[in-house]
């Protein structure tokens, strides 16, 4: 709460707590709950991709294959751009159609984050 009340930098714990709150209030026990799956921003972040790209790819493959029977699955990934910057992006990944929706609240292209693109594309 301190980061939010003081307009400080939001950490990964804040983002996960907010996602969980939205899920519990709006999606649990709905048809949408079976469609949307959340990826851990702690595991798939700019810093982790730089340090351990293989483990990030393995995590993504394991999550995608766990829902291979549901062709309508969409994976939501809040992504922190560290070490490139300190900015949050939101990705919505459809592994069956091989489409990644990139949402950025500030002016910026996905090409500014090549490590993210390379990891998600593989």
PDB file of N, CA and C in Angstrom:
ATOM      1  N   UNK A   1       0.822  -1.199   0.000  1.00  0.00           N
ATOM      2  CA  UNK A   1       0.000   0.000   0.000  1.00  0.00           C
ATOM      3  C   UNK A   1       0.864   1.259   0.000  1.00  0.00           C
ATOM      4  N   UNK A   2       2.027   1.192   0.624  1.00  0.00           N
ATOM      5  CA  UNK A   2       2.882   2.368   0.709  1.00  0.00           C
ATOM      6  C   UNK A   2       3.244   2.895  -0.671  1.00  0.00           C
ATOM      7  N   UNK A   3       3.631   1.993  -1.591  1.00  0.00           N
ATOM      8  CA  UNK A   3       4.007   2.435  -2.933  1.00  0.00           C
ATOM      9  C   UNK A   3       2.845   3.121  -3.644  1.00  0.00           C
ATOM     10  N   UNK A   4       1.659   2.598  -3.456  1.00  0.00           N
ATOM     11  CA  UNK A   4       0.492   3.175  -4.123  1.00  0.00           C
ATOM     12  C   UNK A   4       0.138   4.530  -3.521  1.00  0.00           C
ATOM     13  N   UNK A   5       0.118   4.624  -2.210  1.00  0.00           N
ATOM     14  CA  UNK A   5      -0.268   5.866  -1.540  1.00  0.00           C
ATOM     15  C   UNK A   5       0.752   6.984  -1.752  1.00  0.00           C
ATOM     16  N   UNK A   6       2.019   6.641  -1.905  1.00  0.00           N
ATOM     17  CA  UNK A   6       3.053   7.666  -2.082  1.00  0.00           C
ATOM     18  C   UNK A   6       3.431   7.842  -3.549  1.00  0.00           C
ATOM     19  N   UNK A   7       2.719   7.146  -4.426  1.00  0.00           N
ATOM     20  CA  UNK A   7       3.012   7.174  -5.863  1.00  0.00           C
ATOM     21  C   UNK A   7       4.439   6.720  -6.135  1.00  0.00           C
ATOM     22  N   UNK A   8       4.894   5.744  -5.357  1.00  0.00           N
ATOM     23  CA  UNK A   8       6.227   5.184  -5.532  1.00  0.00           C
ATOM     24  C   UNK A   8       6.246   4.136  -6.625  1.00  0.00           C
ATOM     25  N   UNK A   9       7.432   3.620  -6.869  1.00  0.00           N
ATOM     26  CA  UNK A   9       7.604   2.595  -7.880  1.00  0.00           C
ATOM     27  C   UNK A   9       6.927   1.300  -7.431  1.00  0.00           C
ATOM     28  N   UNK A  10       6.112   0.727  -8.297  1.00  0.00           N
ATOM     29  CA  UNK A  10       5.399  -0.503  -7.960  1.00  0.00           C
ATOM     30  C   UNK A  10       6.305  -1.705  -8.165  1.00  0.00           C
ATOM     31  N   UNK A  11       6.333  -2.550  -7.178  1.00  0.00           N
ATOM     32  CA  UNK A  11       7.110  -3.773  -7.267  1.00  0.00           C
ATOM     33  C   UNK A  11       6.262  -4.913  -7.775  1.00  0.00           C
ATOM     34  N   UNK A  12       6.898  -6.030  -7.957  1.00  0.00           N
ATOM     35  CA  UNK A  12       6.224  -7.197  -8.499  1.00  0.00           C
ATOM     36  C   UNK A  12       5.119  -7.706  -7.573  1.00  0.00           C
ATOM     37  N   UNK A  13       5.330  -7.566  -6.259  1.00  0.00           N
ATOM     38  CA  UNK A  13       4.315  -7.985  -5.301  1.00  0.00           C
ATOM     39  C   UNK A  13       3.027  -7.201  -5.459  1.00  0.00           C
ATOM     40  N   UNK A  14       3.148  -5.904  -5.720  1.00  0.00           N
ATOM     41  CA  UNK A  14       1.972  -5.067  -5.942  1.00  0.00           C
ATOM     42  C   UNK A  14       1.207  -5.506  -7.184  1.00  0.00           C
ATOM     43  N   UNK A  15       1.932  -5.777  -8.254  1.00  0.00           N
ATOM     44  CA  UNK A  15       1.296  -6.174  -9.505  1.00  0.00           C
ATOM     45  C   UNK A  15       0.579  -7.510  -9.332  1.00  0.00           C
ATOM     46  N   UNK A  16       1.231  -8.467  -8.710  1.00  0.00           N
ATOM     47  CA  UNK A  16       0.592  -9.770  -8.494  1.00  0.00           C
ATOM     48  C   UNK A  16      -0.635  -9.659  -7.583  1.00  0.00           C
ATOM     49  N   UNK A  17      -0.546  -8.843  -6.538  1.00  0.00           N
ATOM     50  CA  UNK A  17      -1.687  -8.663  -5.634  1.00  0.00           C
ATOM     51  C   UNK A  17      -2.868  -8.048  -6.379  1.00  0.00           C
ATOM     52  N   UNK A  18      -2.606  -7.070  -7.231  1.00  0.00           N
ATOM     53  CA  UNK A  18      -3.678  -6.417  -7.986  1.00  0.00           C
ATOM     54  C   UNK A  18      -4.318  -7.396  -8.980  1.00  0.00           C
ATOM     55  N   UNK A  19      -3.499  -8.174  -9.658  1.00  0.00           N
ATOM     56  CA  UNK A  19      -4.034  -9.169 -10.592  1.00  0.00           C
ATOM     57  C   UNK A  19      -4.912 -10.166  -9.844  1.00  0.00           C
ATOM     58  N   UNK A  20      -4.446 -10.629  -8.696  1.00  0.00           N
ATOM     59  CA  UNK A  20      -5.209 -11.598  -7.900  1.00  0.00           C
ATOM     60  C   UNK A  20      -6.539 -10.999  -7.444  1.00  0.00           C
ATOM     61  N   UNK A  21      -6.515  -9.745  -7.006  1.00  0.00           N
ATOM     62  CA  UNK A  21      -7.732  -9.068  -6.582  1.00  0.00           C
ATOM     63  C   UNK A  21      -8.729  -8.974  -7.732  1.00  0.00           C
ATOM     64  N   UNK A  22      -8.266  -8.554  -8.898  1.00  0.00           N
ATOM     65  CA  UNK A  22      -9.150  -8.468 -10.061  1.00  0.00           C
ATOM     66  C   UNK A  22      -9.712  -9.845 -10.432  1.00  0.00           C
ATOM     67  N   UNK A  23      -8.871 -10.851 -10.395  1.00  0.00           N
ATOM     68  CA  UNK A  23      -9.315 -12.202 -10.718  1.00  0.00           C
ATOM     69  C   UNK A  23     -10.401 -12.664  -9.744  1.00  0.00           C
ATOM     70  N   UNK A  24     -10.139 -12.487  -8.451  1.00  0.00           N
ATOM     71  CA  UNK A  24     -11.104 -12.930  -7.435  1.00  0.00           C
ATOM     72  C   UNK A  24     -12.425 -12.177  -7.533  1.00  0.00           C
ATOM     73  N   UNK A  25     -12.371 -10.894  -7.804  1.00  0.00           N
ATOM     74  CA  UNK A  25     -13.589 -10.066  -7.841  1.00  0.00           C
ATOM     75  C   UNK A  25     -14.364 -10.188  -9.150  1.00  0.00           C
ATOM     76  N   UNK A  26     -13.655 -10.343 -10.268  1.00  0.00           N
ATOM     77  CA  UNK A  26     -14.330 -10.251 -11.566  1.00  0.00           C
ATOM     78  C   UNK A  26     -14.375 -11.537 -12.382  1.00  0.00           C
ATOM     79  N   UNK A  27     -13.437 -12.449 -12.177  1.00  0.00           N
ATOM     80  CA  UNK A  27     -13.352 -13.578 -13.092  1.00  0.00           C
ATOM     81  C   UNK A  27     -13.616 -14.944 -12.483  1.00  0.00           C
ATOM     82  N   UNK A  28     -13.327 -15.120 -11.223  1.00  0.00           N
ATOM     83  CA  UNK A  28     -13.485 -16.444 -10.619  1.00  0.00           C
ATOM     84  C   UNK A  28     -14.921 -16.939 -10.838  1.00  0.00           C
ATOM     85  N   UNK A  29     -15.036 -18.202 -11.166  1.00  0.00           N
ATOM     86  CA  UNK A  29     -16.344 -18.841 -11.385  1.00  0.00           C
ATOM     87  C   UNK A  29     -17.065 -18.311 -12.623  1.00  0.00           C
ATOM     88  N   UNK A  30     -16.327 -17.817 -13.602  1.00  0.00           N
ATOM     89  CA  UNK A  30     -16.947 -17.368 -14.853  1.00  0.00           C
ATOM     90  C   UNK A  30     -16.347 -18.160 -16.012  1.00  0.00           C
ATOM     91  N   UNK A  31     -16.940 -18.006 -17.168  1.00  0.00           N
ATOM     92  CA  UNK A  31     -16.416 -18.647 -18.377  1.00  0.00           C
ATOM     93  C   UNK A  31     -15.023 -18.098 -18.699  1.00  0.00           C
ATOM     94  N   UNK A  32     -14.800 -16.822 -18.421  1.00  0.00           N
ATOM     95  CA  UNK A  32     -13.501 -16.212 -18.701  1.00  0.00           C
ATOM     96  C   UNK A  32     -12.373 -16.841 -17.901  1.00  0.00           C
ATOM     97  N   UNK A  33     -12.673 -17.355 -16.725  1.00  0.00           N
ATOM     98  CA  UNK A  33     -11.635 -17.954 -15.882  1.00  0.00           C
ATOM     99  C   UNK A  33     -10.983 -19.151 -16.568  1.00  0.00           C
ATOM    100  N   UNK A  34     -11.715 -19.824 -17.429  1.00  0.00           N
ATOM    101  CA  UNK A  34     -11.146 -20.961 -18.152  1.00  0.00           C
ATOM    102  C   UNK A  34     -10.356 -20.518 -19.378  1.00  0.00           C
ATOM    103  N   UNK A  35     -10.538 -19.287 -19.798  1.00  0.00           N
ATOM    104  CA  UNK A  35      -9.846 -18.797 -20.999  1.00  0.00           C
ATOM    105  C   UNK A  35      -8.530 -18.115 -20.676  1.00  0.00           C
ATOM    106  N   UNK A  36      -8.486 -17.332 -19.617  1.00  0.00           N
ATOM    107  CA  UNK A  36      -7.301 -16.550 -19.294  1.00  0.00           C
ATOM    108  C   UNK A  36      -6.432 -17.258 -18.270  1.00  0.00           C
ATOM    109  N   UNK A  37      -5.142 -17.252 -18.532  1.00  0.00           N
ATOM    110  CA  UNK A  37      -4.166 -17.848 -17.634  1.00  0.00           C
ATOM    111  C   UNK A  37      -3.078 -16.807 -17.396  1.00  0.00           C
ATOM    112  N   UNK A  38      -2.557 -16.780 -16.203  1.00  0.00           N
ATOM    113  CA  UNK A  38      -1.595 -15.739 -15.842  1.00  0.00           C
ATOM    114  C   UNK A  38      -0.196 -16.316 -15.739  1.00  0.00           C
ATOM    115  N   UNK A  39       0.750 -15.581 -16.288  1.00  0.00           N
ATOM    116  CA  UNK A  39       2.153 -15.960 -16.204  1.00  0.00           C
ATOM    117  C   UNK A  39       2.821 -15.118 -15.131  1.00  0.00           C
ATOM    118  N   UNK A  40       3.790 -15.690 -14.470  1.00  0.00           N
ATOM    119  CA  UNK A  40       4.462 -15.014 -13.365  1.00  0.00           C
ATOM    120  C   UNK A  40       5.414 -13.930 -13.859  1.00  0.00           C
ATOM    121  N   UNK A  41       5.156 -12.712 -13.427  1.00  0.00           N
ATOM    122  CA  UNK A  41       6.042 -11.596 -13.771  1.00  0.00           C
ATOM    123  C   UNK A  41       7.381 -11.722 -13.053  1.00  0.00           C
ATOM    124  N   UNK A  42       7.411 -12.514 -12.013  1.00  0.00           N
ATOM    125  CA  UNK A  42       8.667 -12.745 -11.299  1.00  0.00           C
ATOM    126  C   UNK A  42       9.596 -13.628 -12.128  1.00  0.00           C
ATOM    127  N   UNK A  43       9.032 -14.602 -12.811  1.00  0.00           N
ATOM    128  CA  UNK A  43       9.840 -15.529 -13.606  1.00  0.00           C
ATOM    129  C   UNK A  43      10.164 -14.948 -14.973  1.00  0.00           C
ATOM    130  N   UNK A  44       9.209 -14.281 -15.610  1.00  0.00           N
ATOM    131  CA  UNK A  44       9.421 -13.719 -16.940  1.00  0.00           C
ATOM    132  C   UNK A  44       9.555 -12.204 -16.809  1.00  0.00           C
ATOM    133  N   UNK A  45      10.758 -11.753 -16.543  1.00  0.00           N
ATOM    134  CA  UNK A  45      11.040 -10.318 -16.461  1.00  0.00           C
ATOM    135  C   UNK A  45      12.317 -10.041 -17.230  1.00  0.00           C
ATOM    136  N   UNK A  46      12.570  -8.789 -17.502  1.00  0.00           N
ATOM    137  CA  UNK A  46      13.785  -8.429 -18.232  1.00  0.00           C
ATOM    138  C   UNK A  46      15.038  -8.909 -17.538  1.00  0.00           C
ATOM    139  N   UNK A  47      15.085  -8.767 -16.222  1.00  0.00           N
ATOM    140  CA  UNK A  47      16.271  -9.171 -15.466  1.00  0.00           C
ATOM    141  C   UNK A  47      16.460 -10.683 -15.507  1.00  0.00           C
ATOM    142  N   UNK A  48      15.390 -11.447 -15.378  1.00  0.00           N
ATOM    143  CA  UNK A  48      15.495 -12.912 -15.391  1.00  0.00           C
ATOM    144  C   UNK A  48      15.872 -13.415 -16.778  1.00  0.00           C
ATOM    145  N   UNK A  49      15.349 -12.778 -17.806  1.00  0.00           N
ATOM    146  CA  UNK A  49      15.688 -13.180 -19.173  1.00  0.00           C
ATOM    147  C   UNK A  49      17.182 -13.019 -19.421  1.00  0.00           C
ATOM    148  N   UNK A  50      17.756 -11.943 -18.908  1.00  0.00           N
ATOM    149  CA  UNK A  50      19.188 -11.716 -19.076  1.00  0.00           C
ATOM    150  C   UNK A  50      19.997 -12.759 -18.309  1.00  0.00           C
ATOM    151  N   UNK A  51      19.582 -13.051 -17.061  1.00  0.00           N
ATOM    152  CA  UNK A  51      20.322 -13.989 -16.200  1.00  0.00           C
ATOM    153  C   UNK A  51      20.120 -15.444 -16.580  1.00  0.00           C
ATOM    154  N   UNK A  52      18.866 -15.828 -16.841  1.00  0.00           N
ATOM    155  CA  UNK A  52      18.525 -17.243 -17.034  1.00  0.00           C
ATOM    156  C   UNK A  52      17.542 -17.434 -18.197  1.00  0.00           C
ATOM    157  N   UNK A  53      17.958 -17.136 -19.431  1.00  0.00           N
ATOM    158  CA  UNK A  53      17.006 -17.234 -20.546  1.00  0.00           C
ATOM    159  C   UNK A  53      16.439 -18.635 -20.745  1.00  0.00           C
ATOM    160  N   UNK A  54      17.231 -19.661 -20.497  1.00  0.00           N
ATOM    161  CA  UNK A  54      16.752 -21.037 -20.665  1.00  0.00           C
ATOM    162  C   UNK A  54      15.630 -21.394 -19.711  1.00  0.00           C
ATOM    163  N   UNK A  55      15.757 -20.962 -18.452  1.00  0.00           N
ATOM    164  CA  UNK A  55      14.705 -21.290 -17.471  1.00  0.00           C
ATOM    165  C   UNK A  55      13.416 -20.541 -17.784  1.00  0.00           C
ATOM    166  N   UNK A  56      13.523 -19.334 -18.337  1.00  0.00           N
ATOM    167  CA  UNK A  56      12.322 -18.579 -18.719  1.00  0.00           C
ATOM    168  C   UNK A  56      11.611 -19.285 -19.865  1.00  0.00           C
ATOM    169  N   UNK A  57      12.358 -19.703 -20.868  1.00  0.00           N
ATOM    170  CA  UNK A  57      11.757 -20.429 -22.004  1.00  0.00           C
ATOM    171  C   UNK A  57      11.092 -21.725 -21.538  1.00  0.00           C
ATOM    172  N   UNK A  58      11.766 -22.454 -20.654  1.00  0.00           N
ATOM    173  CA  UNK A  58      11.216 -23.701 -20.131  1.00  0.00           C
ATOM    174  C   UNK A  58       9.906 -23.452 -19.380  1.00  0.00           C
ATOM    175  N   UNK A  59       9.858 -22.400 -18.572  1.00  0.00           N
ATOM    176  CA  UNK A  59       8.637 -22.042 -17.847  1.00  0.00           C
ATOM    177  C   UNK A  59       7.499 -21.752 -18.824  1.00  0.00           C
ATOM    178  N   UNK A  60       7.774 -20.953 -19.857  1.00  0.00           N
ATOM    179  CA  UNK A  60       6.738 -20.608 -20.828  1.00  0.00           C
ATOM    180  C   UNK A  60       6.222 -21.853 -21.557  1.00  0.00           C
ATOM    181  N   UNK A  61       7.106 -22.707 -21.998  1.00  0.00           N
ATOM    182  CA  UNK A  61       6.696 -23.934 -22.698  1.00  0.00           C
ATOM    183  C   UNK A  61       5.843 -24.812 -21.783  1.00  0.00           C
ATOM    184  N   UNK A  62       6.256 -24.964 -20.536  1.00  0.00           N
ATOM    185  CA  UNK A  62       5.481 -25.776 -19.591  1.00  0.00           C
ATOM    186  C   UNK A  62       4.093 -25.211 -19.361  1.00  0.00           C
ATOM    187  N   UNK A  63       3.980 -23.901 -19.241  1.00  0.00           N
ATOM    188  CA  UNK A  63       2.669 -23.273 -19.025  1.00  0.00           C
ATOM    189  C   UNK A  63       1.792 -23.431 -20.271  1.00  0.00           C
ATOM    190  N   UNK A  64       2.362 -23.219 -21.455  1.00  0.00           N
ATOM    191  CA  UNK A  64       1.574 -23.343 -22.686  1.00  0.00           C
ATOM    192  C   UNK A  64       1.077 -24.776 -22.872  1.00  0.00           C
ATOM    193  N   UNK A  65       1.947 -25.745 -22.664  1.00  0.00           N
ATOM    194  CA  UNK A  65       1.553 -27.136 -22.897  1.00  0.00           C
ATOM    195  C   UNK A  65       0.568 -27.647 -21.857  1.00  0.00           C
ATOM    196  N   UNK A  66       0.524 -27.043 -20.686  1.00  0.00           N
ATOM    197  CA  UNK A  66      -0.446 -27.448 -19.667  1.00  0.00           C
ATOM    198  C   UNK A  66      -1.876 -27.181 -20.126  1.00  0.00           C
ATOM    199  N   UNK A  67      -2.054 -26.234 -21.043  1.00  0.00           N
ATOM    200  CA  UNK A  67      -3.392 -25.867 -21.511  1.00  0.00           C
ATOM    201  C   UNK A  67      -3.579 -26.149 -22.995  1.00  0.00           C
ATOM    202  N   UNK A  68      -2.817 -27.084 -23.523  1.00  0.00           N
ATOM    203  CA  UNK A  68      -2.866 -27.373 -24.954  1.00  0.00           C
ATOM    204  C   UNK A  68      -4.245 -27.846 -25.400  1.00  0.00           C
ATOM    205  N   UNK A  69      -5.023 -28.433 -24.511  1.00  0.00           N
ATOM    206  CA  UNK A  69      -6.364 -28.903 -24.855  1.00  0.00           C
ATOM    207  C   UNK A  69      -7.391 -27.798 -24.969  1.00  0.00           C
ATOM    208  N   UNK A  70      -7.039 -26.594 -24.551  1.00  0.00           N
ATOM    209  CA  UNK A  70      -7.963 -25.464 -24.615  1.00  0.00           C
ATOM    210  C   UNK A  70      -7.462 -24.478 -25.669  1.00  0.00           C
ATOM    211  N   UNK A  71      -7.971 -24.567 -26.896  1.00  0.00           N
ATOM    212  CA  UNK A  71      -7.463 -23.720 -27.980  1.00  0.00           C
ATOM    213  C   UNK A  71      -7.784 -22.234 -27.803  1.00  0.00           C
ATOM    214  N   UNK A  72      -8.646 -21.906 -26.871  1.00  0.00           N
ATOM    215  CA  UNK A  72      -8.993 -20.502 -26.644  1.00  0.00           C
ATOM    216  C   UNK A  72      -8.193 -19.865 -25.521  1.00  0.00           C
ATOM    217  N   UNK A  73      -7.141 -20.512 -25.079  1.00  0.00           N
ATOM    218  CA  UNK A  73      -6.345 -19.979 -23.972  1.00  0.00           C
ATOM    219  C   UNK A  73      -5.591 -18.715 -24.380  1.00  0.00           C
ATOM    220  N   UNK A  74      -5.608 -17.770 -23.483  1.00  0.00           N
ATOM    221  CA  UNK A  74      -4.860 -16.529 -23.654  1.00  0.00           C
ATOM    222  C   UNK A  74      -4.059 -16.321 -22.379  1.00  0.00           C
ATOM    223  N   UNK A  75      -2.756 -16.145 -22.519  1.00  0.00           N
ATOM    224  CA  UNK A  75      -1.867 -16.008 -21.368  1.00  0.00           C
ATOM    225  C   UNK A  75      -1.543 -14.538 -21.147  1.00  0.00           C
ATOM    226  N   UNK A  76      -1.763 -14.077 -19.935  1.00  0.00           N
ATOM    227  CA  UNK A  76      -1.541 -12.682 -19.568  1.00  0.00           C
ATOM    228  C   UNK A  76      -0.215 -12.585 -18.826  1.00  0.00           C
ATOM    229  N   UNK A  77       0.642 -11.671 -19.293  1.00  0.00           N
ATOM    230  CA  UNK A  77       1.957 -11.511 -18.687  1.00  0.00           C
ATOM    231  C   UNK A  77       2.258 -10.045 -18.409  1.00  0.00           C
ATOM    232  N   UNK A  78       2.253  -9.630 -17.143  1.00  0.00           N
ATOM    233  CA  UNK A  78       2.796  -8.308 -16.815  1.00  0.00           C
ATOM    234  C   UNK A  78       4.316  -8.426 -16.879  1.00  0.00           C
ATOM    235  N   UNK A  79       4.961  -7.545 -17.604  1.00  0.00           N
ATOM    236  CA  UNK A  79       6.386  -7.676 -17.885  1.00  0.00           C
ATOM    237  C   UNK A  79       7.130  -6.416 -17.443  1.00  0.00           C
ATOM    238  N   UNK A  80       8.124  -6.600 -16.579  1.00  0.00           N
ATOM    239  CA  UNK A  80       8.956  -5.484 -16.132  1.00  0.00           C
ATOM    240  C   UNK A  80      10.175  -5.413 -17.028  1.00  0.00           C
ATOM    241  N   UNK A  81      10.463  -4.224 -17.555  1.00  0.00           N
ATOM    242  CA  UNK A  81      11.510  -4.059 -18.553  1.00  0.00           C
ATOM    243  C   UNK A  81      12.919  -3.988 -17.983  1.00  0.00           C
ATOM    244  N   UNK A  82      13.077  -4.087 -16.664  1.00  0.00           N
ATOM    245  CA  UNK A  82      14.423  -4.088 -16.081  1.00  0.00           C
ATOM    246  C   UNK A  82      15.215  -5.199 -16.757  1.00  0.00           C
ATOM    247  N   UNK A  83      16.429  -5.035 -17.194  1.00  0.00           N
ATOM    248  CA  UNK A  83      17.373  -3.953 -16.983  1.00  0.00           C
ATOM    249  C   UNK A  83      17.302  -2.826 -18.008  1.00  0.00           C
ATOM    250  N   UNK A  84      16.411  -2.903 -19.011  1.00  0.00           N
ATOM    251  CA  UNK A  84      16.306  -1.836 -20.010  1.00  0.00           C
ATOM    252  C   UNK A  84      15.764  -0.558 -19.390  1.00  0.00           C
ATOM    253  N   UNK A  85      14.840  -0.661 -18.482  1.00  0.00           N
ATOM    254  CA  UNK A  85      14.224   0.477 -17.813  1.00  0.00           C
ATOM    255  C   UNK A  85      13.437  -0.025 -16.624  1.00  0.00           C
ATOM    256  N   UNK A  86      12.637   0.831 -16.051  1.00  0.00           N
ATOM    257  CA  UNK A  86      11.782   0.422 -14.936  1.00  0.00           C
ATOM    258  C   UNK A  86      10.342   0.726 -15.324  1.00  0.00           C
ATOM    259  N   UNK A  87       9.848  -0.065 -16.232  1.00  0.00           N
ATOM    260  CA  UNK A  87       8.532   0.190 -16.800  1.00  0.00           C
ATOM    261  C   UNK A  87       7.789  -1.136 -16.930  1.00  0.00           C
ATOM    262  N   UNK A  88       6.487  -1.123 -16.676  1.00  0.00           N
ATOM    263  CA  UNK A  88       5.657  -2.320 -16.806  1.00  0.00           C
ATOM    264  C   UNK A  88       4.942  -2.307 -18.140  1.00  0.00           C
ATOM    265  N   UNK A  89       4.929  -3.438 -18.805  1.00  0.00           N
ATOM    266  CA  UNK A  89       4.174  -3.664 -20.035  1.00  0.00           C
ATOM    267  C   UNK A  89       3.184  -4.789 -19.758  1.00  0.00           C
ATOM    268  N   UNK A  90       2.215  -4.937 -20.613  1.00  0.00           N
ATOM    269  CA  UNK A  90       1.296  -6.053 -20.497  1.00  0.00           C
ATOM    270  C   UNK A  90       1.270  -6.786 -21.829  1.00  0.00           C
ATOM    271  N   UNK A  91       1.475  -8.091 -21.755  1.00  0.00           N
ATOM    272  CA  UNK A  91       1.417  -8.931 -22.942  1.00  0.00           C
ATOM    273  C   UNK A  91       0.254  -9.897 -22.799  1.00  0.00           C
ATOM    274  N   UNK A  92      -0.442 -10.120 -23.887  1.00  0.00           N
ATOM    275  CA  UNK A  92      -1.462 -11.158 -23.960  1.00  0.00           C
ATOM    276  C   UNK A  92      -1.008 -12.092 -25.074  1.00  0.00           C
ATOM    277  N   UNK A  93      -0.744 -13.348 -24.720  1.00  0.00           N
ATOM    278  CA  UNK A  93      -0.108 -14.293 -25.636  1.00  0.00           C
ATOM    279  C   UNK A  93      -1.085 -15.402 -25.998  1.00  0.00           C
ATOM    280  N   UNK A  94      -1.282 -15.594 -27.296  1.00  0.00           N
ATOM    281  CA  UNK A  94      -2.084 -16.701 -27.808  1.00  0.00           C
ATOM    282  C   UNK A  94      -1.125 -17.665 -28.503  1.00  0.00           C
ATOM    283  N   UNK A  95      -0.666 -18.707 -27.796  1.00  0.00           N
ATOM    284  CA  UNK A  95       0.346 -19.589 -28.386  1.00  0.00           C
ATOM    285  C   UNK A  95      -0.169 -20.432 -29.550  1.00  0.00           C
ATOM    286  N   UNK A  96      -1.457 -20.705 -29.600  1.00  0.00           N
ATOM    287  CA  UNK A  96      -2.006 -21.519 -30.696  1.00  0.00           C
ATOM    288  C   UNK A  96      -1.988 -20.724 -32.007  1.00  0.00           C
ATOM    289  N   UNK A  97      -2.440 -19.479 -31.957  1.00  0.00           N
ATOM    290  CA  UNK A  97      -2.446 -18.622 -33.148  1.00  0.00           C
ATOM    291  C   UNK A  97      -1.102 -17.937 -33.373  1.00  0.00           C
ATOM    292  N   UNK A  98      -0.192 -18.082 -32.404  1.00  0.00           N
ATOM    293  CA  UNK A  98       1.126 -17.457 -32.442  1.00  0.00           C
ATOM    294  C   UNK A  98       1.004 -15.937 -32.587  1.00  0.00           C
ATOM    295  N   UNK A  99       0.178 -15.357 -31.706  1.00  0.00           N
ATOM    296  CA  UNK A  99      -0.045 -13.912 -31.689  1.00  0.00           C
ATOM    297  C   UNK A  99       0.277 -13.394 -30.293  1.00  0.00           C
ATOM    298  N   UNK A 100       0.983 -12.265 -30.249  1.00  0.00           N
ATOM    299  CA  UNK A 100       1.276 -11.601 -28.975  1.00  0.00           C
ATOM    300  C   UNK A 100       0.734 -10.181 -29.069  1.00  0.00           C
ATOM    301  N   UNK A 101      -0.175  -9.841 -28.159  1.00  0.00           N
ATOM    302  CA  UNK A 101      -0.710  -8.493 -28.076  1.00  0.00           C
ATOM    303  C   UNK A 101       0.149  -7.733 -27.070  1.00  0.00           C
ATOM    304  N   UNK A 102       0.661  -6.591 -27.468  1.00  0.00           N
ATOM    305  CA  UNK A 102       1.608  -5.819 -26.685  1.00  0.00           C
ATOM    306  C   UNK A 102       0.934  -4.516 -26.267  1.00  0.00           C
ATOM    307  N   UNK A 103       0.787  -4.312 -24.959  1.00  0.00           N
ATOM    308  CA  UNK A 103       0.147  -3.104 -24.453  1.00  0.00           C
ATOM    309  C   UNK A 103       1.167  -2.303 -23.653  1.00  0.00           C
ATOM    310  N   UNK A 104       1.362  -1.060 -24.055  1.00  0.00           N
ATOM    311  CA  UNK A 104       2.339  -0.193 -23.420  1.00  0.00           C
ATOM    312  C   UNK A 104       1.659   1.137 -23.118  1.00  0.00           C
ATOM    313  N   UNK A 105       1.696   1.556 -21.866  1.00  0.00           N
ATOM    314  CA  UNK A 105       0.991   2.780 -21.464  1.00  0.00           C
ATOM    315  C   UNK A 105       1.714   4.052 -21.886  1.00  0.00           C
ATOM    316  N   UNK A 106       2.952   3.945 -22.299  1.00  0.00           N
ATOM    317  CA  UNK A 106       3.698   5.104 -22.791  1.00  0.00           C
ATOM    318  C   UNK A 106       4.105   4.840 -24.229  1.00  0.00           C
ATOM    319  N   UNK A 107       4.496   5.891 -24.896  1.00  0.00           N
ATOM    320  CA  UNK A 107       4.916   5.743 -26.282  1.00  0.00           C
ATOM    321  C   UNK A 107       6.148   4.855 -26.342  1.00  0.00           C
ATOM    322  N   UNK A 108       6.052   3.786 -27.029  1.00  0.00           N
ATOM    323  CA  UNK A 108       7.174   2.859 -27.141  1.00  0.00           C
ATOM    324  C   UNK A 108       6.794   1.679 -28.000  1.00  0.00           C
ATOM    325  N   UNK A 109       7.736   1.224 -28.766  1.00  0.00           N
ATOM    326  CA  UNK A 109       7.528   0.089 -29.655  1.00  0.00           C
ATOM    327  C   UNK A 109       8.037  -1.189 -29.010  1.00  0.00           C
ATOM    328  N   UNK A 110       7.505  -2.313 -29.424  1.00  0.00           N
ATOM    329  CA  UNK A 110       7.978  -3.591 -28.918  1.00  0.00           C
ATOM    330  C   UNK A 110       9.428  -3.814 -29.290  1.00  0.00           C
ATOM    331  N   UNK A 111       9.906  -3.147 -30.352  1.00  0.00           N
ATOM    332  CA  UNK A 111      11.301  -3.308 -30.772  1.00  0.00           C
ATOM    333  C   UNK A 111      12.284  -2.744 -29.747  1.00  0.00           C
ATOM    334  N   UNK A 112      11.796  -1.950 -28.784  1.00  0.00           N
ATOM    335  CA  UNK A 112      12.652  -1.435 -27.712  1.00  0.00           C
ATOM    336  C   UNK A 112      12.995  -2.516 -26.696  1.00  0.00           C
ATOM    337  N   UNK A 113      12.349  -3.680 -26.784  1.00  0.00           N
ATOM    338  CA  UNK A 113      12.529  -4.760 -25.817  1.00  0.00           C
ATOM    339  C   UNK A 113      12.865  -6.062 -26.552  1.00  0.00           C
ATOM    340  N   UNK A 114      14.027  -6.123 -27.191  1.00  0.00           N
ATOM    341  CA  UNK A 114      14.352  -7.301 -28.019  1.00  0.00           C
ATOM    342  C   UNK A 114      14.472  -8.597 -27.223  1.00  0.00           C
ATOM    343  N   UNK A 115      14.952  -8.541 -25.983  1.00  0.00           N
ATOM    344  CA  UNK A 115      15.076  -9.768 -25.183  1.00  0.00           C
ATOM    345  C   UNK A 115      13.696 -10.351 -24.889  1.00  0.00           C
ATOM    346  N   UNK A 116      12.716  -9.483 -24.602  1.00  0.00           N
ATOM    347  CA  UNK A 116      11.348  -9.935 -24.356  1.00  0.00           C
ATOM    348  C   UNK A 116      10.779 -10.587 -25.620  1.00  0.00           C
ATOM    349  N   UNK A 117      10.938  -9.924 -26.738  1.00  0.00           N
ATOM    350  CA  UNK A 117      10.390 -10.443 -27.989  1.00  0.00           C
ATOM    351  C   UNK A 117      11.009 -11.785 -28.352  1.00  0.00           C
ATOM    352  N   UNK A 118      12.318 -11.880 -28.232  1.00  0.00           N
ATOM    353  CA  UNK A 118      12.999 -13.129 -28.574  1.00  0.00           C
ATOM    354  C   UNK A 118      12.538 -14.277 -27.683  1.00  0.00           C
ATOM    355  N   UNK A 119      12.394 -14.018 -26.399  1.00  0.00           N
ATOM    356  CA  UNK A 119      11.981 -15.062 -25.466  1.00  0.00           C
ATOM    357  C   UNK A 119      10.557 -15.508 -25.728  1.00  0.00           C
ATOM    358  N   UNK A 120       9.648 -14.576 -25.929  1.00  0.00           N
ATOM    359  CA  UNK A 120       8.240 -14.902 -26.150  1.00  0.00           C
ATOM    360  C   UNK A 120       8.052 -15.575 -27.506  1.00  0.00           C
ATOM    361  N   UNK A 121       8.806 -15.153 -28.508  1.00  0.00           N
ATOM    362  CA  UNK A 121       8.679 -15.740 -29.849  1.00  0.00           C
ATOM    363  C   UNK A 121       9.125 -17.199 -29.907  1.00  0.00           C
ATOM    364  N   UNK A 122      10.052 -17.579 -29.055  1.00  0.00           N
ATOM    365  CA  UNK A 122      10.546 -18.957 -29.101  1.00  0.00           C
ATOM    366  C   UNK A 122       9.585 -19.820 -28.409  1.00  0.00           C
TER     367      UNK A 122
END
